[in-house]
Structure formats: C-alpha cells, structure tokens
Amino acid sequence: MTGIPGKHRTARLDDDIHQLVSAKVVVGIDESSGSDTALRWAVHYAGIHGRGLHIAHGMNTAGVTTVGAYAVSSPWVLDEARANGESVVARAAQLARLLAPDLPITTELVADSASTVLIDRSDAAFAVVLGATGSTGTLGHLGSTLLAVVAHAHGAVIVVRTDPDAGDIVHYSGPVVVGVDGGPLSDAAVAAAFAEAAQRGTDLVAVHVWNDQNFGHYAGYDTVRLPDGNPGEAENAVLAERVAGWQEKFPDVPVMRASYAFAPTVHLQTWSQSAQLVVVGSRGRGGFAGLLFGSTANSLVQHARCPVMVVHP
C-alpha cells in the first residue's frame, strides 16, 4: 500500500502482489508463549481481512553440521528435529482451526531458520505476523528473528506485542496510530493505517514529529526553545497535507492529528498504550548498522504496548 492519491501510487494496484486475492497472512510460530499470542492475533487478522492463513515453522537445521557433540546429519537427530517441528505445526494448526473453523489454513515446515522462511514468504504475503514478549534493549535482540524480519522483509510485517501493564493482554480496541514523517517514506504507512482503521471501524491518529531526535530521557523535551517563525504552523500543514488525500478516500474514518517537536519513539510508545495498532514506515536500512542503532520502528517492535505494523515501501 503506497502513495497519496493523485501524487504517488494508489493504495491498491493490480500489480501489487501483496494485494492479490491469493496473498495470505503468514504467521511464524515456535514453542514460545509469544508465538501462541501471535497465532491467535493472526487468525483474527486474517478473518477480518478475508485472507487465508499460512502457518510457517523453521527448524533451523539447514547448513548446520553439529548440535553440541552430535552430528546433525545423523538420521536420528534430523528425525527428532522434524518430529518436534511437525508437532509444533500440528498444534498451531489445530488451535487456528478451533478459533476459526472456516478459515483457509495451510502449513509449512522447513529446514531453514525462521527469519529466512518469513523473509522469503514476505515476497507474496498480504502480511507477515510474528510474536514478541518482554522488553529488552536492542543488543538483547540483535540477530533475533524479530529484528531480522523487520529489517529485511517485504510488504507489511506485524509484531504482536502485549501490554504488560494490563496483564500481558493484546489490545483489540482503541485507535489505529500512524507515524507520519513528512516525506514519501511514510506514504505506505499512512495508506496502510487508513485501510486498517476502515476495516476495524475505528479512529485514526496521525502522529507527526518535526525532528527525529529522541530526547525522551529529559523532562521538557517538548518545551525546548524553537526557532523564530512558528515552525509548528508549517509542520502542522505538512501533516494535514499528508493525510488529506487519504481522508477523501476513507471519508468514514475519523482522523485526529497530533504534532510534536521531538522524540518520535517516545510519543508513539505513549500512544501505543491506548492504541490497538501502531503503523510505521521502514526506511529500508538493513544490515548490521540498521539493526544495532535501530530506528523508530526497531524500537517500537521491542517496547510498544500494542501490535506494531512496519510497512516497507
């Protein structure tokens, strides 16, 4: 989903493979509690969008020659890994069918790592969903499936986060919140956010931060002296322009606009406490530097209080 009507690409194009009828919601599963949470959310998400669900599990045995003191090429080791993987997939499929008996469900068990599988499947997926629990720093997650998929996948990636202050539940109510950076990179996120708000019958909150520096550790970061000339008026106009075309396309979606001077991560995390979904764009910076130093998106998928959708142009 990209663009502003009349200026860039429209939200849904015939040549957009992610919007084809055959495009499914892909959910990555393992044996963690976060995986179960993501699966339940993905079942609901696929249902409201009228999409099939594809359950994928990576055994992470491809190219590995040893597991501790044992050769992974030994038939019994591979058989054990496959039997465990089949059990994980079967359990997930059973739960999904219990939750939504009429939902078309397919499954996949592969030798590759979870991140490889999800990144590959993201090429043609309506969206990729994976779970996350806890709240640790970037170094704690470095190299994890979560950040690898967020950095390198195509289309939309949704990390299903819970709210620890509410008993680790997933928010299913509240507005859809979208981060708007004033440039074309956020167009895809704005398009996706309007579509999600319309589908859910809820409000949309468009959050625009003038400066991407995160001074959130300091009290009064929004009261820093600004240059003369009332930059807030100009920035508010930028935000209004970015959402105007989509308000015309989705006239039934109530829109609230919020502008701040600094700290996009802090403000979006605050909004995540009351939102059912936060949508942000990806700058497409992969590799070690993108993962280590991170962006607003990388911070949100680790610390937000609700599911986070990261949209790649």
C-alpha atoms as a PDB file:
ATOM      1  CA  MET A   1       0.000   0.000   0.000  1.00  0.00           C
ATOM      2  CA  THR A   2       1.789   3.135  -1.101  1.00  0.00           C
ATOM      3  CA  GLY A   3       1.254   6.706  -2.118  1.00  0.00           C
ATOM      4  CA  ILE A   4      -1.073   9.691  -1.926  1.00  0.00           C
ATOM      5  CA  PRO A   5      -3.938   9.737  -4.458  1.00  0.00           C
ATOM      6  CA  GLY A   6      -3.061  11.930  -7.385  1.00  0.00           C
ATOM      7  CA  LYS A   7       0.618  12.169  -6.433  1.00  0.00           C
ATOM      8  CA  HIS A   8       2.076   8.733  -5.969  1.00  0.00           C
ATOM      9  CA  ARG A   9       0.944   5.159  -6.418  1.00  0.00           C
ATOM     10  CA  THR A  10      -2.527   4.361  -5.105  1.00  0.00           C
ATOM     11  CA  ALA A  11      -3.066   2.097  -2.136  1.00  0.00           C
ATOM     12  CA  ARG A  12      -4.155  -0.944  -4.109  1.00  0.00           C
ATOM     13  CA  LEU A  13      -2.834  -1.662  -7.569  1.00  0.00           C
ATOM     14  CA  ASP A  14      -3.369  -4.625  -9.837  1.00  0.00           C
ATOM     15  CA  ASP A  15       0.390  -5.162  -9.982  1.00  0.00           C
ATOM     16  CA  ASP A  16       0.803  -5.165  -6.185  1.00  0.00           C
ATOM     17  CA  ILE A  17       1.400  -8.809  -5.407  1.00  0.00           C
ATOM     18  CA  HIS A  18       0.681  -8.265  -1.704  1.00  0.00           C
ATOM     19  CA  GLN A  19      -2.910  -7.302  -2.545  1.00  0.00           C
ATOM     20  CA  LEU A  20      -3.703 -10.275  -4.785  1.00  0.00           C
ATOM     21  CA  VAL A  21      -6.616 -12.428  -3.687  1.00  0.00           C
ATOM     22  CA  SER A  22      -4.168 -15.300  -3.268  1.00  0.00           C
ATOM     23  CA  ALA A  23      -1.936 -13.343  -0.863  1.00  0.00           C
ATOM     24  CA  LYS A  24      -2.160 -14.873   2.622  1.00  0.00           C
ATOM     25  CA  VAL A  25      -1.399 -13.773   6.141  1.00  0.00           C
ATOM     26  CA  VAL A  26       1.814 -15.608   7.059  1.00  0.00           C
ATOM     27  CA  VAL A  27       2.462 -16.272  10.732  1.00  0.00           C
ATOM     28  CA  GLY A  28       5.736 -17.564  12.128  1.00  0.00           C
ATOM     29  CA  ILE A  29       5.371 -19.999  15.004  1.00  0.00           C
ATOM     30  CA  ASP A  30       7.603 -21.779  17.509  1.00  0.00           C
ATOM     31  CA  GLU A  31       7.129 -23.166  21.018  1.00  0.00           C
ATOM     32  CA  SER A  32       7.016 -19.846  22.891  1.00  0.00           C
ATOM     33  CA  SER A  33       4.050 -18.174  24.548  1.00  0.00           C
ATOM     34  CA  GLY A  34       4.597 -15.195  22.275  1.00  0.00           C
ATOM     35  CA  SER A  35       4.065 -17.493  19.299  1.00  0.00           C
ATOM     36  CA  ASP A  36       0.644 -18.570  20.591  1.00  0.00           C
ATOM     37  CA  THR A  37      -0.320 -14.936  21.088  1.00  0.00           C
ATOM     38  CA  ALA A  38       0.787 -14.071  17.557  1.00  0.00           C
ATOM     39  CA  LEU A  39      -1.104 -17.047  16.128  1.00  0.00           C
ATOM     40  CA  ARG A  40      -4.352 -16.038  17.823  1.00  0.00           C
ATOM     41  CA  TRP A  41      -3.925 -12.462  16.594  1.00  0.00           C
ATOM     42  CA  ALA A  42      -3.087 -13.636  13.064  1.00  0.00           C
ATOM     43  CA  VAL A  43      -6.224 -15.797  12.943  1.00  0.00           C
ATOM     44  CA  HIS A  44      -8.316 -12.760  13.872  1.00  0.00           C
ATOM     45  CA  TYR A  45      -6.423 -10.533  11.421  1.00  0.00           C
ATOM     46  CA  ALA A  46      -6.826 -12.970   8.526  1.00  0.00           C
ATOM     47  CA  GLY A  47     -10.521 -13.254   9.302  1.00  0.00           C
ATOM     48  CA  ILE A  48     -11.297  -9.522   9.253  1.00  0.00           C
ATOM     49  CA  HIS A  49      -9.364  -9.122   6.009  1.00  0.00           C
ATOM     50  CA  GLY A  50     -10.859 -12.179   4.322  1.00  0.00           C
ATOM     51  CA  ARG A  51      -7.454 -13.798   3.844  1.00  0.00           C
ATOM     52  CA  GLY A  52      -6.166 -17.324   4.164  1.00  0.00           C
ATOM     53  CA  LEU A  53      -3.657 -18.122   6.903  1.00  0.00           C
ATOM     54  CA  HIS A  54      -0.280 -19.745   6.266  1.00  0.00           C
ATOM     55  CA  ILE A  55       1.473 -21.168   9.349  1.00  0.00           C
ATOM     56  CA  ALA A  56       5.260 -21.434   8.943  1.00  0.00           C
ATOM     57  CA  HIS A  57       7.877 -23.005  11.206  1.00  0.00           C
ATOM     58  CA  GLY A  58      11.633 -23.030  10.552  1.00  0.00           C
ATOM     59  CA  MET A  59      13.629 -25.859  12.147  1.00  0.00           C
ATOM     60  CA  ASN A  60      16.959 -24.059  11.648  1.00  0.00           C
ATOM     61  CA  THR A  61      18.767 -27.261  10.609  1.00  0.00           C
ATOM     62  CA  ALA A  62      19.788 -26.214   7.104  1.00  0.00           C
ATOM     63  CA  GLY A  63      23.559 -25.980   6.736  1.00  0.00           C
ATOM     64  CA  VAL A  64      24.208 -26.941  10.350  1.00  0.00           C
ATOM     65  CA  THR A  65      26.634 -29.795  10.819  1.00  0.00           C
ATOM     66  CA  THR A  66      26.700 -30.208  14.585  1.00  0.00           C
ATOM     67  CA  VAL A  67      24.384 -29.872  17.532  1.00  0.00           C
ATOM     68  CA  GLY A  68      26.556 -29.898  20.619  1.00  0.00           C
ATOM     69  CA  ALA A  69      28.634 -33.079  20.387  1.00  0.00           C
ATOM     70  CA  TYR A  70      26.298 -34.717  17.868  1.00  0.00           C
ATOM     71  CA  ALA A  71      26.301 -34.546  14.087  1.00  0.00           C
ATOM     72  CA  VAL A  72      23.033 -33.100  12.903  1.00  0.00           C
ATOM     73  CA  SER A  73      23.390 -35.184   9.769  1.00  0.00           C
ATOM     74  CA  SER A  74      22.774 -38.284  11.886  1.00  0.00           C
ATOM     75  CA  PRO A  75      19.362 -39.605  10.854  1.00  0.00           C
ATOM     76  CA  TRP A  76      18.054 -39.827  14.401  1.00  0.00           C
ATOM     77  CA  VAL A  77      18.923 -36.191  15.123  1.00  0.00           C
ATOM     78  CA  LEU A  78      17.193 -34.968  11.980  1.00  0.00           C
ATOM     79  CA  ASP A  79      14.234 -37.241  12.631  1.00  0.00           C
ATOM     80  CA  GLU A  80      13.915 -35.882  16.151  1.00  0.00           C
ATOM     81  CA  ALA A  81      14.039 -32.287  14.907  1.00  0.00           C
ATOM     82  CA  ARG A  82      11.439 -32.989  12.238  1.00  0.00           C
ATOM     83  CA  ALA A  83       9.149 -34.820  14.667  1.00  0.00           C
ATOM     84  CA  ASN A  84       9.301 -31.859  17.046  1.00  0.00           C
ATOM     85  CA  GLY A  85       8.652 -29.423  14.202  1.00  0.00           C
ATOM     86  CA  GLU A  86       5.691 -31.436  12.969  1.00  0.00           C
ATOM     87  CA  SER A  87       4.264 -31.416  16.471  1.00  0.00           C
ATOM     88  CA  VAL A  88       4.635 -27.630  16.731  1.00  0.00           C
ATOM     89  CA  VAL A  89       2.951 -27.084  13.369  1.00  0.00           C
ATOM     90  CA  ALA A  90       0.138 -29.570  14.058  1.00  0.00           C
ATOM     91  CA  ARG A  91      -0.631 -27.948  17.407  1.00  0.00           C
ATOM     92  CA  ALA A  92      -0.719 -24.486  15.832  1.00  0.00           C
ATOM     93  CA  ALA A  93      -2.985 -25.632  13.012  1.00  0.00           C
ATOM     94  CA  GLN A  94      -5.329 -27.314  15.493  1.00  0.00           C
ATOM     95  CA  LEU A  95      -5.585 -24.120  17.552  1.00  0.00           C
ATOM     96  CA  ALA A  96      -6.179 -21.983  14.451  1.00  0.00           C
ATOM     97  CA  ARG A  97      -8.962 -24.281  13.217  1.00  0.00           C
ATOM     98  CA  LEU A  98     -10.524 -24.275  16.664  1.00  0.00           C
ATOM     99  CA  LEU A  99     -10.562 -20.480  16.686  1.00  0.00           C
ATOM    100  CA  ALA A 100     -11.799 -20.114  13.089  1.00  0.00           C
ATOM    101  CA  PRO A 101     -13.213 -23.345  11.622  1.00  0.00           C
ATOM    102  CA  ASP A 102     -13.989 -21.745   8.238  1.00  0.00           C
ATOM    103  CA  LEU A 103     -10.637 -20.027   7.784  1.00  0.00           C
ATOM    104  CA  PRO A 104      -8.498 -21.496   4.948  1.00  0.00           C
ATOM    105  CA  ILE A 105      -5.290 -22.698   6.625  1.00  0.00           C
ATOM    106  CA  THR A 106      -2.068 -24.049   5.158  1.00  0.00           C
ATOM    107  CA  THR A 107       1.100 -25.118   6.984  1.00  0.00           C
ATOM    108  CA  GLU A 108       4.787 -25.334   6.210  1.00  0.00           C
ATOM    109  CA  LEU A 109       7.748 -26.957   7.944  1.00  0.00           C
ATOM    110  CA  VAL A 110      11.179 -26.188   6.510  1.00  0.00           C
ATOM    111  CA  ALA A 111      14.812 -26.747   7.468  1.00  0.00           C
ATOM    112  CA  ASP A 112      15.753 -23.059   7.179  1.00  0.00           C
ATOM    113  CA  SER A 113      15.759 -20.585  10.056  1.00  0.00           C
ATOM    114  CA  ALA A 114      12.527 -18.824  10.985  1.00  0.00           C
ATOM    115  CA  SER A 115      13.858 -15.475   9.776  1.00  0.00           C
ATOM    116  CA  THR A 116      14.833 -16.896   6.364  1.00  0.00           C
ATOM    117  CA  VAL A 117      11.433 -18.507   5.911  1.00  0.00           C
ATOM    118  CA  LEU A 118       9.452 -15.409   6.906  1.00  0.00           C
ATOM    119  CA  ILE A 119      11.559 -13.045   4.797  1.00  0.00           C
ATOM    120  CA  ASP A 120      11.178 -15.339   1.769  1.00  0.00           C
ATOM    121  CA  ARG A 121       7.420 -15.708   2.241  1.00  0.00           C
ATOM    122  CA  SER A 122       7.001 -11.967   2.703  1.00  0.00           C
ATOM    123  CA  ASP A 123       7.572 -11.518  -1.036  1.00  0.00           C
ATOM    124  CA  ALA A 124       3.994 -12.568  -1.787  1.00  0.00           C
ATOM    125  CA  ALA A 125       2.281 -12.317   1.613  1.00  0.00           C
ATOM    126  CA  PHE A 126      -0.559  -9.975   2.488  1.00  0.00           C
ATOM    127  CA  ALA A 127       1.301  -9.510   5.779  1.00  0.00           C
ATOM    128  CA  VAL A 128       3.809 -11.387   7.934  1.00  0.00           C
ATOM    129  CA  VAL A 129       2.953 -11.793  11.620  1.00  0.00           C
ATOM    130  CA  LEU A 130       5.285 -12.830  14.434  1.00  0.00           C
ATOM    131  CA  GLY A 131       5.213 -12.621  18.202  1.00  0.00           C
ATOM    132  CA  ALA A 132       7.255 -10.769  20.787  1.00  0.00           C
ATOM    133  CA  THR A 133       7.196 -10.804  24.561  1.00  0.00           C
ATOM    134  CA  GLY A 134       9.162  -8.878  27.126  1.00  0.00           C
ATOM    135  CA  SER A 135      11.028  -5.622  26.758  1.00  0.00           C
ATOM    136  CA  THR A 136      14.798  -5.702  26.438  1.00  0.00           C
ATOM    137  CA  GLY A 137      17.345  -3.495  24.743  1.00  0.00           C
ATOM    138  CA  THR A 138      18.435  -3.662  21.131  1.00  0.00           C
ATOM    139  CA  LEU A 139      21.574  -5.614  21.985  1.00  0.00           C
ATOM    140  CA  GLY A 140      19.440  -8.240  23.662  1.00  0.00           C
ATOM    141  CA  HIS A 141      17.543  -8.755  20.405  1.00  0.00           C
ATOM    142  CA  LEU A 142      20.445  -8.294  17.987  1.00  0.00           C
ATOM    143  CA  GLY A 143      20.362 -11.036  15.380  1.00  0.00           C
ATOM    144  CA  SER A 144      16.975 -12.271  16.551  1.00  0.00           C
ATOM    145  CA  THR A 145      14.234 -13.417  14.225  1.00  0.00           C
ATOM    146  CA  LEU A 146      12.206 -10.362  15.161  1.00  0.00           C
ATOM    147  CA  LEU A 147      14.685  -7.697  14.080  1.00  0.00           C
ATOM    148  CA  ALA A 148      15.941  -9.665  11.078  1.00  0.00           C
ATOM    149  CA  VAL A 149      12.427  -9.965   9.667  1.00  0.00           C
ATOM    150  CA  VAL A 150      11.522  -6.344  10.451  1.00  0.00           C
ATOM    151  CA  ALA A 151      14.701  -5.143   8.725  1.00  0.00           C
ATOM    152  CA  HIS A 152      14.654  -7.318   5.615  1.00  0.00           C
ATOM    153  CA  ALA A 153      11.087  -8.426   4.841  1.00  0.00           C
ATOM    154  CA  HIS A 154       8.927  -7.029   2.051  1.00  0.00           C
ATOM    155  CA  GLY A 155       5.466  -5.504   2.431  1.00  0.00           C
ATOM    156  CA  ALA A 156       3.919  -5.353   5.898  1.00  0.00           C
ATOM    157  CA  VAL A 157       5.374  -7.027   8.993  1.00  0.00           C
ATOM    158  CA  ILE A 158       3.317  -7.080  12.181  1.00  0.00           C
ATOM    159  CA  VAL A 159       4.916  -7.761  15.546  1.00  0.00           C
ATOM    160  CA  VAL A 160       2.247  -8.734  18.055  1.00  0.00           C
ATOM    161  CA  ARG A 161       3.155  -7.112  21.341  1.00  0.00           C
ATOM    162  CA  THR A 162       1.219  -7.374  24.596  1.00  0.00           C
ATOM    163  CA  ASP A 163       0.632  -4.746  27.266  1.00  0.00           C
ATOM    164  CA  PRO A 164       2.480  -5.750  30.476  1.00  0.00           C
ATOM    165  CA  ASP A 165       0.600  -3.143  32.500  1.00  0.00           C
ATOM    166  CA  ALA A 166      -2.704  -4.782  31.574  1.00  0.00           C
ATOM    167  CA  GLY A 167      -1.760  -8.364  32.355  1.00  0.00           C
ATOM    168  CA  ASP A 168       0.081  -9.067  29.083  1.00  0.00           C
ATOM    169  CA  ILE A 169      -3.078  -8.851  27.010  1.00  0.00           C
ATOM    170  CA  VAL A 170      -3.243  -7.779  23.360  1.00  0.00           C
ATOM    171  CA  HIS A 171      -5.187  -4.603  22.623  1.00  0.00           C
ATOM    172  CA  TYR A 172      -8.147  -5.242  20.320  1.00  0.00           C
ATOM    173  CA  SER A 173      -9.732  -1.827  20.839  1.00  0.00           C
ATOM    174  CA  GLY A 174      -8.586   1.754  20.552  1.00  0.00           C
ATOM    175  CA  PRO A 175      -7.468   3.806  17.559  1.00  0.00           C
ATOM    176  CA  VAL A 176      -5.014   2.938  14.824  1.00  0.00           C
ATOM    177  CA  VAL A 177      -1.991   5.226  15.233  1.00  0.00           C
ATOM    178  CA  VAL A 178       0.336   6.048  12.347  1.00  0.00           C
ATOM    179  CA  GLY A 179       3.682   7.818  12.366  1.00  0.00           C
ATOM    180  CA  VAL A 180       3.988  10.469   9.633  1.00  0.00           C
ATOM    181  CA  ASP A 181       7.461  11.823   8.910  1.00  0.00           C
ATOM    182  CA  GLY A 182       6.568  14.411   6.283  1.00  0.00           C
ATOM    183  CA  GLY A 183       8.358  12.596   3.456  1.00  0.00           C
ATOM    184  CA  PRO A 184       7.403   9.967   0.891  1.00  0.00           C
ATOM    185  CA  LEU A 185       8.805   7.171   3.080  1.00  0.00           C
ATOM    186  CA  SER A 186       5.761   7.304   5.333  1.00  0.00           C
ATOM    187  CA  ASP A 187       3.230   7.272   2.479  1.00  0.00           C
ATOM    188  CA  ALA A 188       2.979   3.486   2.571  1.00  0.00           C
ATOM    189  CA  ALA A 189       2.389   3.560   6.331  1.00  0.00           C
ATOM    190  CA  VAL A 190      -0.334   6.203   6.024  1.00  0.00           C
ATOM    191  CA  ALA A 191      -2.105   4.190   3.324  1.00  0.00           C
ATOM    192  CA  ALA A 192      -1.939   1.012   5.389  1.00  0.00           C
ATOM    193  CA  ALA A 193      -3.137   2.779   8.538  1.00  0.00           C
ATOM    194  CA  PHE A 194      -6.214   4.246   6.850  1.00  0.00           C
ATOM    195  CA  ALA A 195      -7.078   0.842   5.383  1.00  0.00           C
ATOM    196  CA  GLU A 196      -6.695  -0.811   8.801  1.00  0.00           C
ATOM    197  CA  ALA A 197      -8.793   1.826  10.564  1.00  0.00           C
ATOM    198  CA  ALA A 198     -11.532   1.497   7.956  1.00  0.00           C
ATOM    199  CA  GLN A 199     -11.520  -2.287   8.192  1.00  0.00           C
ATOM    200  CA  ARG A 200     -11.771  -2.157  12.002  1.00  0.00           C
ATOM    201  CA  GLY A 201     -14.302   0.690  12.130  1.00  0.00           C
ATOM    202  CA  THR A 202     -12.133   2.779  14.423  1.00  0.00           C
ATOM    203  CA  ASP A 203     -10.440   6.188  14.594  1.00  0.00           C
ATOM    204  CA  LEU A 204      -7.057   7.016  13.144  1.00  0.00           C
ATOM    205  CA  VAL A 205      -4.464   9.134  14.931  1.00  0.00           C
ATOM    206  CA  ALA A 206      -1.786  10.650  12.683  1.00  0.00           C
ATOM    207  CA  VAL A 207       1.322  11.497  14.715  1.00  0.00           C
ATOM    208  CA  HIS A 208       3.893  13.830  13.202  1.00  0.00           C
ATOM    209  CA  VAL A 209       7.173  14.730  14.930  1.00  0.00           C
ATOM    210  CA  TRP A 210       9.143  17.592  13.462  1.00  0.00           C
ATOM    211  CA  ASN A 211      12.576  16.360  14.481  1.00  0.00           C
ATOM    212  CA  ASP A 212      13.533  12.680  14.661  1.00  0.00           C
ATOM    213  CA  GLN A 213      15.932  13.193  17.572  1.00  0.00           C
ATOM    214  CA  ASN A 214      14.783  11.232  20.615  1.00  0.00           C
ATOM    215  CA  PHE A 215      15.298  13.436  23.652  1.00  0.00           C
ATOM    216  CA  GLY A 216      12.753  11.473  25.644  1.00  0.00           C
ATOM    217  CA  HIS A 217      15.055  10.849  28.595  1.00  0.00           C
ATOM    218  CA  TYR A 218      14.894  14.511  29.543  1.00  0.00           C
ATOM    219  CA  ALA A 219      11.952  16.254  31.131  1.00  0.00           C
ATOM    220  CA  GLY A 220      10.516  19.023  28.998  1.00  0.00           C
ATOM    221  CA  TYR A 221      11.788  17.729  25.662  1.00  0.00           C
ATOM    222  CA  ASP A 222       8.718  19.290  24.030  1.00  0.00           C
ATOM    223  CA  THR A 223       9.397  22.680  25.564  1.00  0.00           C
ATOM    224  CA  VAL A 224      12.835  23.170  24.009  1.00  0.00           C
ATOM    225  CA  ARG A 225      13.118  26.695  22.572  1.00  0.00           C
ATOM    226  CA  LEU A 226      12.256  26.542  18.879  1.00  0.00           C
ATOM    227  CA  PRO A 227      13.494  28.876  16.102  1.00  0.00           C
ATOM    228  CA  ASP A 228      11.518  32.025  15.378  1.00  0.00           C
ATOM    229  CA  GLY A 229       8.840  31.874  12.715  1.00  0.00           C
ATOM    230  CA  ASN A 230       6.423  29.388  14.342  1.00  0.00           C
ATOM    231  CA  PRO A 231       7.691  26.150  12.784  1.00  0.00           C
ATOM    232  CA  GLY A 232       4.720  24.357  14.351  1.00  0.00           C
ATOM    233  CA  GLU A 233       2.325  26.006  11.916  1.00  0.00           C
ATOM    234  CA  ALA A 234       4.350  24.828   8.926  1.00  0.00           C
ATOM    235  CA  GLU A 235       4.729  21.321  10.308  1.00  0.00           C
ATOM    236  CA  ASN A 236       1.028  21.072  11.038  1.00  0.00           C
ATOM    237  CA  ALA A 237       0.395  21.985   7.410  1.00  0.00           C
ATOM    238  CA  VAL A 238       2.751  19.183   6.319  1.00  0.00           C
ATOM    239  CA  LEU A 239       0.806  16.690   8.406  1.00  0.00           C
ATOM    240  CA  ALA A 240      -2.534  17.909   7.068  1.00  0.00           C
ATOM    241  CA  GLU A 241      -1.289  17.574   3.500  1.00  0.00           C
ATOM    242  CA  ARG A 242      -0.001  14.042   4.093  1.00  0.00           C
ATOM    243  CA  VAL A 243      -3.350  12.750   5.298  1.00  0.00           C
ATOM    244  CA  ALA A 244      -5.745  14.886   3.225  1.00  0.00           C
ATOM    245  CA  GLY A 245      -5.847  12.603   0.193  1.00  0.00           C
ATOM    246  CA  TRP A 246      -6.487   9.549   2.329  1.00  0.00           C
ATOM    247  CA  GLN A 247      -9.246  11.286   4.274  1.00  0.00           C
ATOM    248  CA  GLU A 248     -11.014  11.772   0.950  1.00  0.00           C
ATOM    249  CA  LYS A 249     -10.517   8.109   0.082  1.00  0.00           C
ATOM    250  CA  PHE A 250     -11.727   6.936   3.509  1.00  0.00           C
ATOM    251  CA  PRO A 251     -14.340   9.557   4.497  1.00  0.00           C
ATOM    252  CA  ASP A 252     -15.829   7.360   7.227  1.00  0.00           C
ATOM    253  CA  VAL A 253     -12.563   7.173   9.198  1.00  0.00           C
ATOM    254  CA  PRO A 254     -12.433   9.847  11.930  1.00  0.00           C
ATOM    255  CA  VAL A 255      -8.949  11.402  11.965  1.00  0.00           C
ATOM    256  CA  MET A 256      -7.092  13.115  14.773  1.00  0.00           C
ATOM    257  CA  ARG A 257      -3.787  14.845  14.068  1.00  0.00           C
ATOM    258  CA  ALA A 258      -1.068  15.246  16.711  1.00  0.00           C
ATOM    259  CA  SER A 259       2.208  17.134  16.193  1.00  0.00           C
ATOM    260  CA  TYR A 260       5.249  17.183  18.464  1.00  0.00           C
ATOM    261  CA  ALA A 261       8.645  18.857  18.321  1.00  0.00           C
ATOM    262  CA  PHE A 262      10.915  15.957  19.243  1.00  0.00           C
ATOM    263  CA  ALA A 263      11.105  12.304  20.248  1.00  0.00           C
ATOM    264  CA  PRO A 264       9.034  10.240  17.769  1.00  0.00           C
ATOM    265  CA  THR A 265       9.765   6.991  19.568  1.00  0.00           C
ATOM    266  CA  VAL A 266       8.634   8.334  22.939  1.00  0.00           C
ATOM    267  CA  HIS A 267       5.381   9.731  21.584  1.00  0.00           C
ATOM    268  CA  LEU A 268       4.481   6.656  19.546  1.00  0.00           C
ATOM    269  CA  GLN A 269       5.222   4.407  22.513  1.00  0.00           C
ATOM    270  CA  THR A 270       2.931   6.568  24.630  1.00  0.00           C
ATOM    271  CA  TRP A 271       0.166   6.319  22.042  1.00  0.00           C
ATOM    272  CA  SER A 272       0.649   2.529  21.934  1.00  0.00           C
ATOM    273  CA  GLN A 273      -0.708   2.344  25.486  1.00  0.00           C
ATOM    274  CA  SER A 274      -4.205   3.144  24.185  1.00  0.00           C
ATOM    275  CA  ALA A 275      -3.973   2.002  20.541  1.00  0.00           C
ATOM    276  CA  GLN A 276      -4.914  -1.332  19.010  1.00  0.00           C
ATOM    277  CA  LEU A 277      -2.276  -0.954  16.293  1.00  0.00           C
ATOM    278  CA  VAL A 278       0.669   1.362  15.630  1.00  0.00           C
ATOM    279  CA  VAL A 279       1.751   1.674  11.994  1.00  0.00           C
ATOM    280  CA  VAL A 280       5.155   3.000  10.940  1.00  0.00           C
ATOM    281  CA  GLY A 281       7.136   3.016   7.724  1.00  0.00           C
ATOM    282  CA  SER A 282      10.530   1.444   7.239  1.00  0.00           C
ATOM    283  CA  ARG A 283      13.448   3.369   5.840  1.00  0.00           C
ATOM    284  CA  GLY A 284      14.724   0.145   4.350  1.00  0.00           C
ATOM    285  CA  ARG A 285      18.022   0.199   6.230  1.00  0.00           C
ATOM    286  CA  GLY A 286      19.055  -3.393   6.669  1.00  0.00           C
ATOM    287  CA  GLY A 287      22.339  -4.922   7.720  1.00  0.00           C
ATOM    288  CA  PHE A 288      24.262  -4.635  10.968  1.00  0.00           C
ATOM    289  CA  ALA A 289      24.055  -0.860  11.305  1.00  0.00           C
ATOM    290  CA  GLY A 290      20.285  -0.820  10.819  1.00  0.00           C
ATOM    291  CA  LEU A 291      19.785  -3.485  13.459  1.00  0.00           C
ATOM    292  CA  LEU A 292      22.267  -2.180  16.007  1.00  0.00           C
ATOM    293  CA  PHE A 293      21.452   1.511  16.027  1.00  0.00           C
ATOM    294  CA  GLY A 294      17.868   0.996  15.031  1.00  0.00           C
ATOM    295  CA  SER A 295      15.101   3.321  14.040  1.00  0.00           C
ATOM    296  CA  THR A 296      11.771   4.277  15.497  1.00  0.00           C
ATOM    297  CA  ALA A 297      10.369   1.075  14.005  1.00  0.00           C
ATOM    298  CA  ASN A 298      13.016  -1.112  15.623  1.00  0.00           C
ATOM    299  CA  SER A 299      12.411   0.479  18.998  1.00  0.00           C
ATOM    300  CA  LEU A 300       8.637   0.110  18.775  1.00  0.00           C
ATOM    301  CA  VAL A 301       8.697  -3.585  17.889  1.00  0.00           C
ATOM    302  CA  GLN A 302      10.689  -4.140  21.077  1.00  0.00           C
ATOM    303  CA  HIS A 303       8.917  -1.811  23.510  1.00  0.00           C
ATOM    304  CA  ALA A 304       5.411  -0.849  22.305  1.00  0.00           C
ATOM    305  CA  ARG A 305       2.326  -1.832  24.317  1.00  0.00           C
ATOM    306  CA  CYS A 306       0.265  -2.986  21.312  1.00  0.00           C
ATOM    307  CA  PRO A 307       0.854  -4.720  17.949  1.00  0.00           C
ATOM    308  CA  VAL A 308       3.139  -2.792  15.603  1.00  0.00           C
ATOM    309  CA  MET A 309       2.893  -2.871  11.803  1.00  0.00           C
ATOM    310  CA  VAL A 310       6.086  -1.965   9.928  1.00  0.00           C
ATOM    311  CA  VAL A 311       5.360  -1.188   6.284  1.00  0.00           C
ATOM    312  CA  HIS A 312       8.115  -1.500   3.702  1.00  0.00           C
ATOM    313  CA  PRO A 313       7.646   0.620   0.559  1.00  0.00           C
END
